[in-house]
């Protein structure tokens, strides 16, 4: 007795089609991750390069003699007991300063973000590295940023975090 084979094609398609759709969505997700990574890399690099090239006026102001004498006078006015308190609070001040710097540089970094590729509310500045203007060997400026995005895969709900860091030597003269 022969069986009717008319439904076998529909059955095979219903089994294979979700696999193909999942593979296609995985490919689209990988392309979105690659585009987001390139866009974040470009934004962080451009922000770092432009900032590094514009540090020279700050360097000139920092080396101005009247500012140096003012700083020395203020240092001499601080009692020795206060220096101990300053040393104890230095780590807390550094943490607060890092948070303030990250918050300050976020709008600046967002100027370089391509809105067609990245959502601005998903970008965060993780770390800002300020140059040491007194030592020309360690005069580097850097920005480290992250971007979080969700994968568009069926039955998988994952968040991908892309981090990029750019470090550029600042121009502070010969």
N, C-alpha and C. Protein backbone atom coordinates (compact mmCIF):
# COMPACT_ATOMS: atom_id res chain seq x y z
N UNK A 1 0.82 -1.16 0.00
CA UNK A 1 0.00 0.00 0.00
C UNK A 1 0.89 1.26 0.00
N UNK A 2 0.67 2.17 -0.90
CA UNK A 2 1.45 3.40 -1.03
C UNK A 2 0.89 4.48 -0.11
N UNK A 3 1.82 5.21 0.48
CA UNK A 3 1.41 6.32 1.35
C UNK A 3 1.40 7.63 0.56
N UNK A 4 0.64 8.54 1.03
CA UNK A 4 0.56 9.86 0.40
C UNK A 4 1.74 10.71 0.90
N UNK A 5 2.61 11.21 0.01
CA UNK A 5 3.81 11.97 0.37
C UNK A 5 3.64 13.48 0.21
N UNK A 6 2.45 13.98 0.09
CA UNK A 6 2.25 15.40 -0.15
C UNK A 6 2.62 16.27 1.05
N UNK A 7 2.53 15.81 2.24
CA UNK A 7 2.81 16.61 3.44
C UNK A 7 4.26 16.57 3.87
N UNK A 8 5.10 15.76 3.25
CA UNK A 8 6.48 15.63 3.71
C UNK A 8 7.29 16.89 3.47
N UNK A 9 7.04 17.60 2.39
CA UNK A 9 7.77 18.83 2.10
C UNK A 9 7.46 19.91 3.14
N UNK A 10 6.22 20.01 3.53
CA UNK A 10 5.82 20.99 4.55
C UNK A 10 6.44 20.64 5.89
N UNK A 11 6.49 19.37 6.21
CA UNK A 11 7.09 18.92 7.46
C UNK A 11 8.58 19.23 7.49
N UNK A 12 9.28 18.95 6.41
CA UNK A 12 10.72 19.24 6.35
C UNK A 12 10.97 20.74 6.44
N UNK A 13 10.16 21.53 5.76
CA UNK A 13 10.33 22.98 5.81
C UNK A 13 10.07 23.53 7.21
N UNK A 14 9.10 22.97 7.90
CA UNK A 14 8.80 23.45 9.26
C UNK A 14 9.90 23.08 10.24
N UNK A 15 10.68 22.07 9.92
CA UNK A 15 11.80 21.70 10.79
C UNK A 15 13.05 22.52 10.45
N UNK A 16 13.32 22.72 9.17
CA UNK A 16 14.56 23.36 8.73
C UNK A 16 14.47 24.89 8.75
N UNK A 17 13.32 25.45 8.48
CA UNK A 17 13.18 26.90 8.38
C UNK A 17 13.57 27.64 9.68
N UNK A 18 13.17 27.21 10.87
CA UNK A 18 13.62 27.91 12.08
C UNK A 18 15.14 27.88 12.26
N UNK A 19 15.77 26.80 11.82
CA UNK A 19 17.23 26.72 11.92
C UNK A 19 17.87 27.75 11.00
N UNK A 20 17.36 27.87 9.77
CA UNK A 20 17.90 28.86 8.84
C UNK A 20 17.65 30.28 9.33
N UNK A 21 16.48 30.53 9.87
CA UNK A 21 16.18 31.87 10.39
C UNK A 21 17.09 32.20 11.57
N UNK A 22 17.33 31.23 12.45
CA UNK A 22 18.23 31.45 13.59
C UNK A 22 19.65 31.73 13.11
N UNK A 23 20.11 30.98 12.10
CA UNK A 23 21.45 31.21 11.56
C UNK A 23 21.54 32.59 10.92
N UNK A 24 20.50 33.00 10.22
CA UNK A 24 20.48 34.32 9.59
C UNK A 24 20.51 35.42 10.65
N UNK A 25 19.72 35.28 11.70
CA UNK A 25 19.71 36.28 12.78
C UNK A 25 21.05 36.32 13.52
N UNK A 26 21.71 35.16 13.65
CA UNK A 26 23.03 35.13 14.27
C UNK A 26 24.03 35.91 13.42
N UNK A 27 23.96 35.73 12.10
CA UNK A 27 24.83 36.47 11.20
C UNK A 27 24.57 37.97 11.29
N UNK A 28 23.31 38.36 11.34
CA UNK A 28 22.96 39.78 11.47
C UNK A 28 23.48 40.33 12.80
N UNK A 29 23.37 39.56 13.87
CA UNK A 29 23.87 40.00 15.18
C UNK A 29 25.38 40.19 15.15
N UNK A 30 26.10 39.26 14.51
CA UNK A 30 27.55 39.39 14.42
C UNK A 30 27.94 40.63 13.61
N UNK A 31 27.20 40.91 12.56
CA UNK A 31 27.47 42.12 11.78
C UNK A 31 27.19 43.38 12.60
N UNK A 32 26.12 43.37 13.38
CA UNK A 32 25.82 44.53 14.23
C UNK A 32 26.91 44.74 15.28
N UNK A 33 27.41 43.65 15.84
CA UNK A 33 28.49 43.76 16.83
C UNK A 33 29.74 44.33 16.17
N UNK A 34 30.07 43.85 14.96
CA UNK A 34 31.25 44.35 14.26
C UNK A 34 31.11 45.83 13.92
N UNK A 35 29.93 46.25 13.46
CA UNK A 35 29.71 47.66 13.15
C UNK A 35 29.78 48.53 14.41
N UNK A 36 29.20 48.05 15.49
CA UNK A 36 29.25 48.81 16.75
C UNK A 36 30.68 48.92 17.26
N UNK A 37 31.45 47.85 17.12
CA UNK A 37 32.84 47.87 17.57
C UNK A 37 33.66 48.88 16.76
N UNK A 38 33.46 48.88 15.45
CA UNK A 38 34.19 49.84 14.60
C UNK A 38 33.77 51.27 14.90
N UNK A 39 32.49 51.50 15.11
CA UNK A 39 32.00 52.86 15.39
C UNK A 39 32.53 53.36 16.74
N UNK A 40 32.53 52.50 17.75
CA UNK A 40 33.05 52.89 19.07
C UNK A 40 34.55 53.15 18.99
N UNK A 41 35.26 52.30 18.28
CA UNK A 41 36.71 52.46 18.10
C UNK A 41 37.03 53.80 17.44
N UNK A 42 36.29 54.12 16.40
CA UNK A 42 36.50 55.38 15.68
C UNK A 42 36.20 56.57 16.57
N UNK A 43 35.12 56.52 17.32
CA UNK A 43 34.74 57.64 18.19
C UNK A 43 35.77 57.86 19.30
N UNK A 44 36.20 56.78 19.93
CA UNK A 44 37.18 56.91 21.02
C UNK A 44 38.51 57.41 20.48
N UNK A 45 38.94 56.90 19.32
CA UNK A 45 40.20 57.36 18.73
C UNK A 45 40.15 58.84 18.36
N UNK A 46 39.07 59.27 17.73
CA UNK A 46 38.97 60.67 17.33
C UNK A 46 38.93 61.60 18.54
N UNK A 47 38.18 61.24 19.55
CA UNK A 47 38.11 62.08 20.75
C UNK A 47 39.48 62.18 21.42
N UNK A 48 40.20 61.07 21.46
CA UNK A 48 41.52 61.06 22.08
C UNK A 48 42.51 61.87 21.27
N UNK A 49 42.51 61.71 19.95
CA UNK A 49 43.45 62.45 19.10
C UNK A 49 43.24 63.95 19.19
N UNK A 50 42.00 64.37 19.12
CA UNK A 50 41.72 65.81 19.15
C UNK A 50 42.09 66.40 20.51
N UNK A 51 41.80 65.69 21.58
CA UNK A 51 42.15 66.18 22.91
C UNK A 51 43.66 66.24 23.08
N UNK A 52 44.36 65.22 22.61
CA UNK A 52 45.82 65.17 22.76
C UNK A 52 46.50 66.30 22.00
N UNK A 53 45.93 66.70 20.88
CA UNK A 53 46.56 67.79 20.12
C UNK A 53 46.26 69.16 20.69
N UNK A 54 45.30 69.27 21.59
CA UNK A 54 44.93 70.57 22.15
C UNK A 54 45.34 70.74 23.62
N UNK A 55 46.31 69.99 24.07
CA UNK A 55 46.75 70.08 25.47
C UNK A 55 47.83 71.15 25.64
N UNK A 56 48.46 71.58 24.57
CA UNK A 56 49.57 72.52 24.68
C UNK A 56 49.23 73.81 25.43
N UNK A 57 48.08 74.44 25.21
CA UNK A 57 47.77 75.65 26.01
C UNK A 57 47.69 75.37 27.51
N UNK A 58 47.21 74.21 27.88
CA UNK A 58 47.18 73.84 29.30
C UNK A 58 48.60 73.68 29.83
N UNK A 59 49.46 73.10 29.00
CA UNK A 59 50.86 72.92 29.38
C UNK A 59 51.53 74.28 29.59
N UNK A 60 51.25 75.23 28.71
CA UNK A 60 51.82 76.57 28.84
C UNK A 60 51.32 77.23 30.13
N UNK A 61 50.03 77.12 30.40
CA UNK A 61 49.48 77.70 31.63
C UNK A 61 50.06 77.03 32.87
N UNK A 62 50.27 75.73 32.79
CA UNK A 62 50.81 74.99 33.93
C UNK A 62 52.25 75.40 34.22
N UNK A 63 52.99 75.77 33.20
CA UNK A 63 54.38 76.16 33.39
C UNK A 63 54.57 77.65 33.66
N UNK A 64 53.50 78.39 33.67
CA UNK A 64 53.59 79.83 33.92
C UNK A 64 54.10 80.05 35.34
N UNK A 65 55.04 80.96 35.47
CA UNK A 65 55.73 81.15 36.75
C UNK A 65 54.81 81.63 37.87
N UNK A 66 53.87 82.50 37.56
CA UNK A 66 53.02 83.04 38.63
C UNK A 66 52.12 81.95 39.22
N UNK A 67 51.69 81.03 38.39
CA UNK A 67 50.88 79.93 38.91
C UNK A 67 51.71 79.04 39.81
N UNK A 68 52.95 78.78 39.41
CA UNK A 68 53.84 77.95 40.22
C UNK A 68 54.12 78.60 41.57
N UNK A 69 54.38 79.90 41.57
CA UNK A 69 54.64 80.55 42.86
C UNK A 69 53.40 80.55 43.74
N UNK A 70 52.23 80.72 43.14
CA UNK A 70 50.98 80.66 43.91
C UNK A 70 50.80 79.28 44.54
N UNK A 71 51.09 78.24 43.77
CA UNK A 71 50.97 76.88 44.30
C UNK A 71 51.97 76.66 45.43
N UNK A 72 53.18 77.13 45.27
CA UNK A 72 54.18 76.97 46.33
C UNK A 72 53.79 77.73 47.59
N UNK A 73 53.26 78.94 47.42
CA UNK A 73 52.82 79.71 48.58
C UNK A 73 51.69 79.01 49.32
N UNK A 74 50.76 78.46 48.57
CA UNK A 74 49.63 77.76 49.19
C UNK A 74 50.11 76.49 49.90
N UNK A 75 51.08 75.79 49.33
CA UNK A 75 51.61 74.59 49.96
C UNK A 75 52.30 74.93 51.28
N UNK A 76 53.02 76.03 51.32
CA UNK A 76 53.71 76.44 52.54
C UNK A 76 52.74 76.88 53.63
N UNK A 77 51.55 77.30 53.26
CA UNK A 77 50.57 77.77 54.24
C UNK A 77 49.83 76.62 54.91
N UNK A 78 49.85 75.43 54.32
CA UNK A 78 49.13 74.30 54.89
C UNK A 78 49.94 73.73 56.06
N UNK A 79 49.33 73.57 57.21
CA UNK A 79 50.05 73.00 58.35
C UNK A 79 50.43 71.53 58.09
N UNK A 80 51.43 71.07 58.82
CA UNK A 80 51.92 69.70 58.65
C UNK A 80 50.84 68.68 59.01
N UNK A 81 50.02 68.98 60.00
CA UNK A 81 48.96 68.06 60.40
C UNK A 81 47.95 67.85 59.27
N UNK A 82 47.70 68.89 58.51
CA UNK A 82 46.76 68.79 57.41
C UNK A 82 47.30 67.89 56.30
N UNK A 83 48.62 67.85 56.16
CA UNK A 83 49.20 66.98 55.13
C UNK A 83 48.86 65.52 55.39
N UNK A 84 48.82 65.12 56.66
CA UNK A 84 48.46 63.75 57.01
C UNK A 84 47.03 63.45 56.59
N UNK A 85 46.12 64.38 56.86
CA UNK A 85 44.73 64.19 56.44
C UNK A 85 44.60 64.13 54.92
N UNK A 86 45.37 64.94 54.24
CA UNK A 86 45.33 64.93 52.78
C UNK A 86 45.79 63.58 52.25
N UNK A 87 46.84 63.03 52.83
CA UNK A 87 47.34 61.72 52.39
C UNK A 87 46.31 60.62 52.65
N UNK A 88 45.61 60.70 53.79
CA UNK A 88 44.61 59.68 54.10
C UNK A 88 43.42 59.73 53.15
N UNK A 89 43.07 60.92 52.71
CA UNK A 89 41.91 61.07 51.83
C UNK A 89 42.25 61.04 50.34
N UNK A 90 43.51 60.84 50.02
CA UNK A 90 43.93 60.90 48.62
C UNK A 90 43.23 59.86 47.75
N UNK A 91 43.07 58.65 48.26
CA UNK A 91 42.42 57.60 47.47
C UNK A 91 40.95 57.92 47.23
N UNK A 92 40.26 58.42 48.26
CA UNK A 92 38.86 58.81 48.09
C UNK A 92 38.72 59.95 47.08
N UNK A 93 39.63 60.89 47.14
CA UNK A 93 39.60 62.01 46.20
C UNK A 93 39.84 61.51 44.78
N UNK A 94 40.77 60.55 44.63
CA UNK A 94 41.03 60.00 43.30
C UNK A 94 39.80 59.31 42.74
N UNK A 95 39.08 58.55 43.57
CA UNK A 95 37.87 57.89 43.10
C UNK A 95 36.81 58.90 42.68
N UNK A 96 36.64 59.94 43.49
CA UNK A 96 35.66 60.98 43.16
C UNK A 96 36.09 61.70 41.89
N UNK A 97 37.38 61.99 41.77
CA UNK A 97 37.89 62.67 40.58
C UNK A 97 37.67 61.83 39.34
N UNK A 98 37.90 60.51 39.44
CA UNK A 98 37.69 59.63 38.29
C UNK A 98 36.23 59.64 37.86
N UNK A 99 35.32 59.60 38.82
CA UNK A 99 33.90 59.64 38.48
C UNK A 99 33.52 60.96 37.82
N UNK A 100 34.07 62.04 38.32
CA UNK A 100 33.79 63.36 37.74
C UNK A 100 34.35 63.45 36.33
N UNK A 101 35.58 62.95 36.13
CA UNK A 101 36.18 62.98 34.80
C UNK A 101 35.37 62.14 33.81
N UNK A 102 34.94 60.96 34.25
CA UNK A 102 34.14 60.11 33.36
C UNK A 102 32.85 60.81 32.97
N UNK A 103 32.22 61.47 33.92
CA UNK A 103 30.98 62.19 33.64
C UNK A 103 31.23 63.39 32.74
N UNK A 104 32.36 64.06 32.94
CA UNK A 104 32.69 65.23 32.12
C UNK A 104 32.98 64.86 30.67
N UNK A 105 33.67 63.75 30.45
CA UNK A 105 34.09 63.40 29.10
C UNK A 105 33.02 62.65 28.31
N UNK A 106 31.95 62.21 28.95
CA UNK A 106 30.90 61.50 28.22
C UNK A 106 30.24 62.38 27.15
N UNK A 107 29.80 63.61 27.46
CA UNK A 107 29.22 64.43 26.38
C UNK A 107 30.22 64.74 25.27
N UNK A 108 31.48 64.88 25.63
CA UNK A 108 32.52 65.13 24.62
C UNK A 108 32.67 63.92 23.70
N UNK A 109 32.67 62.72 24.27
CA UNK A 109 32.78 61.51 23.45
C UNK A 109 31.55 61.33 22.58
N UNK A 110 30.39 61.69 23.09
CA UNK A 110 29.15 61.54 22.32
C UNK A 110 29.13 62.41 21.07
N UNK A 111 29.95 63.45 21.03
CA UNK A 111 30.04 64.28 19.82
C UNK A 111 30.60 63.48 18.64
N UNK A 112 31.38 62.46 18.92
CA UNK A 112 32.05 61.68 17.88
C UNK A 112 31.31 60.38 17.55
N UNK A 113 30.21 60.11 18.23
CA UNK A 113 29.45 58.87 18.02
C UNK A 113 28.59 59.00 16.76
N UNK A 114 28.62 57.97 15.93
CA UNK A 114 27.75 57.90 14.76
C UNK A 114 26.38 57.40 15.22
N UNK A 115 25.39 58.29 15.17
CA UNK A 115 24.07 57.96 15.69
C UNK A 115 23.36 56.88 14.87
N UNK A 116 23.79 56.68 13.64
CA UNK A 116 23.19 55.63 12.83
C UNK A 116 23.63 54.24 13.24
N UNK A 117 24.76 54.15 13.92
CA UNK A 117 25.29 52.84 14.31
C UNK A 117 25.20 52.57 15.81
N UNK A 118 25.29 53.60 16.62
CA UNK A 118 25.29 53.42 18.08
C UNK A 118 24.19 54.25 18.72
N UNK A 119 23.63 53.70 19.78
CA UNK A 119 22.67 54.45 20.59
C UNK A 119 23.45 55.18 21.67
N UNK A 120 23.27 56.47 21.74
CA UNK A 120 24.08 57.28 22.66
C UNK A 120 23.84 56.94 24.12
N UNK A 121 22.66 56.47 24.46
CA UNK A 121 22.39 56.16 25.87
C UNK A 121 23.06 54.86 26.32
N UNK A 122 23.62 54.09 25.41
CA UNK A 122 24.30 52.84 25.76
C UNK A 122 25.81 53.02 25.88
N UNK A 123 26.32 54.22 25.61
CA UNK A 123 27.75 54.49 25.67
C UNK A 123 28.11 55.00 27.06
N UNK A 124 29.21 54.48 27.60
CA UNK A 124 29.70 54.92 28.90
C UNK A 124 31.21 55.14 28.82
N UNK A 125 31.68 56.15 29.53
CA UNK A 125 33.11 56.36 29.66
C UNK A 125 33.55 55.63 30.92
N UNK A 126 34.47 54.70 30.77
CA UNK A 126 34.93 53.89 31.90
C UNK A 126 36.09 54.58 32.62
N UNK A 127 37.03 55.12 31.83
CA UNK A 127 38.22 55.68 32.45
C UNK A 127 38.79 56.78 31.56
N UNK A 128 39.26 57.84 32.18
CA UNK A 128 39.97 58.91 31.49
C UNK A 128 41.37 58.97 32.08
N UNK A 129 42.36 58.88 31.21
CA UNK A 129 43.76 58.91 31.64
C UNK A 129 44.30 60.30 31.31
N UNK A 130 44.67 61.04 32.33
CA UNK A 130 45.19 62.39 32.13
C UNK A 130 46.70 62.35 32.01
N UNK A 131 47.27 63.23 31.19
CA UNK A 131 48.72 63.23 31.01
C UNK A 131 49.45 63.86 32.19
N UNK A 132 50.67 63.40 32.40
CA UNK A 132 51.55 64.02 33.38
C UNK A 132 52.34 65.09 32.64
N UNK A 133 51.98 66.34 32.83
CA UNK A 133 52.59 67.41 32.05
C UNK A 133 53.99 67.78 32.53
N UNK A 134 54.40 67.28 33.67
CA UNK A 134 55.73 67.57 34.17
C UNK A 134 56.77 66.59 33.63
N UNK A 135 56.34 65.38 33.32
CA UNK A 135 57.23 64.35 32.79
C UNK A 135 56.83 64.06 31.34
N UNK A 136 57.65 64.49 30.41
CA UNK A 136 57.31 64.33 28.99
C UNK A 136 57.30 62.87 28.55
N UNK A 137 57.95 62.00 29.30
CA UNK A 137 57.96 60.58 28.94
C UNK A 137 56.62 59.91 29.22
N UNK A 138 55.87 60.44 30.16
CA UNK A 138 54.57 59.84 30.49
C UNK A 138 53.41 60.79 30.19
N UNK A 139 53.58 61.60 29.17
CA UNK A 139 52.54 62.57 28.80
C UNK A 139 51.58 61.94 27.79
N UNK A 140 50.70 61.10 28.30
CA UNK A 140 49.72 60.41 27.45
C UNK A 140 48.31 60.72 27.94
N UNK A 141 47.42 60.89 26.98
CA UNK A 141 46.01 61.09 27.28
C UNK A 141 45.25 59.89 26.72
N UNK A 142 44.29 59.41 27.49
CA UNK A 142 43.53 58.25 27.02
C UNK A 142 42.09 58.27 27.48
N UNK A 143 41.27 57.61 26.69
CA UNK A 143 39.86 57.42 27.02
C UNK A 143 39.54 55.95 26.83
N UNK A 144 38.84 55.38 27.80
CA UNK A 144 38.34 54.01 27.69
C UNK A 144 36.82 54.09 27.81
N UNK A 145 36.14 53.51 26.82
CA UNK A 145 34.68 53.59 26.78
C UNK A 145 34.09 52.21 26.52
N UNK A 146 32.81 52.07 26.86
CA UNK A 146 32.12 50.80 26.61
C UNK A 146 30.76 51.08 25.97
N UNK A 147 30.27 50.06 25.25
CA UNK A 147 28.97 50.13 24.61
C UNK A 147 28.28 48.80 24.85
N UNK A 148 27.06 48.84 25.33
CA UNK A 148 26.33 47.59 25.59
C UNK A 148 25.18 47.47 24.60
N UNK A 149 25.02 46.25 24.10
CA UNK A 149 23.94 45.98 23.15
C UNK A 149 23.41 44.57 23.37
N UNK A 150 22.17 44.36 23.00
CA UNK A 150 21.54 43.05 23.17
C UNK A 150 21.64 42.26 21.87
N UNK A 151 21.85 40.95 22.02
CA UNK A 151 21.86 40.07 20.85
C UNK A 151 20.44 39.82 20.38
N UNK A 152 20.26 39.70 19.09
CA UNK A 152 18.93 39.47 18.53
C UNK A 152 18.76 38.02 18.11
N UNK A 153 19.09 37.10 18.98
CA UNK A 153 18.95 35.68 18.68
C UNK A 153 17.70 35.12 19.35
N UNK A 154 16.98 34.24 18.64
CA UNK A 154 15.80 33.64 19.27
C UNK A 154 16.21 32.72 20.42
N UNK A 155 15.47 32.78 21.49
CA UNK A 155 15.65 31.96 22.69
C UNK A 155 16.93 32.27 23.46
N UNK A 156 17.67 33.26 23.04
CA UNK A 156 18.90 33.65 23.73
C UNK A 156 18.81 35.14 24.02
N UNK A 157 18.92 35.49 25.28
CA UNK A 157 18.88 36.89 25.67
C UNK A 157 20.19 37.22 26.36
N UNK A 158 21.11 37.79 25.60
CA UNK A 158 22.43 38.13 26.12
C UNK A 158 22.74 39.58 25.83
N UNK A 159 23.51 40.17 26.72
CA UNK A 159 23.98 41.53 26.52
C UNK A 159 25.48 41.46 26.22
N UNK A 160 25.88 42.09 25.14
CA UNK A 160 27.28 42.13 24.74
C UNK A 160 27.81 43.51 25.10
N UNK A 161 28.95 43.54 25.79
CA UNK A 161 29.58 44.80 26.16
C UNK A 161 30.88 44.92 25.39
N UNK A 162 30.98 45.97 24.60
CA UNK A 162 32.17 46.23 23.80
C UNK A 162 32.95 47.34 24.49
N UNK A 163 34.25 47.10 24.71
CA UNK A 163 35.10 48.10 25.35
C UNK A 163 36.23 48.48 24.40
N UNK A 164 36.50 49.75 24.32
CA UNK A 164 37.60 50.26 23.50
C UNK A 164 38.39 51.27 24.31
N UNK A 165 39.70 51.24 24.09
CA UNK A 165 40.60 52.15 24.80
C UNK A 165 41.53 52.77 23.78
N UNK A 166 41.75 54.06 23.92
CA UNK A 166 42.67 54.77 23.04
C UNK A 166 43.61 55.59 23.90
N UNK A 167 44.89 55.52 23.58
CA UNK A 167 45.92 56.24 24.32
C UNK A 167 46.76 57.00 23.30
N UNK A 168 46.92 58.28 23.52
CA UNK A 168 47.62 59.12 22.55
C UNK A 168 48.61 60.02 23.30
N UNK A 169 49.80 60.16 22.73
CA UNK A 169 50.79 61.04 23.33
C UNK A 169 50.38 62.49 23.07
N UNK A 170 50.39 63.30 24.12
CA UNK A 170 49.98 64.69 23.97
C UNK A 170 51.14 65.52 23.42
N UNK A 171 50.77 66.56 22.69
CA UNK A 171 51.79 67.44 22.14
C UNK A 171 52.01 68.58 23.12
N UNK A 172 53.19 68.58 23.75
CA UNK A 172 53.51 69.63 24.73
C UNK A 172 54.84 70.29 24.37
N UNK A 173 55.15 70.30 23.11
CA UNK A 173 56.38 70.96 22.67
C UNK A 173 57.55 70.00 22.63
N UNK A 174 58.65 70.49 22.04
CA UNK A 174 59.85 69.69 21.79
C UNK A 174 60.42 69.14 23.02
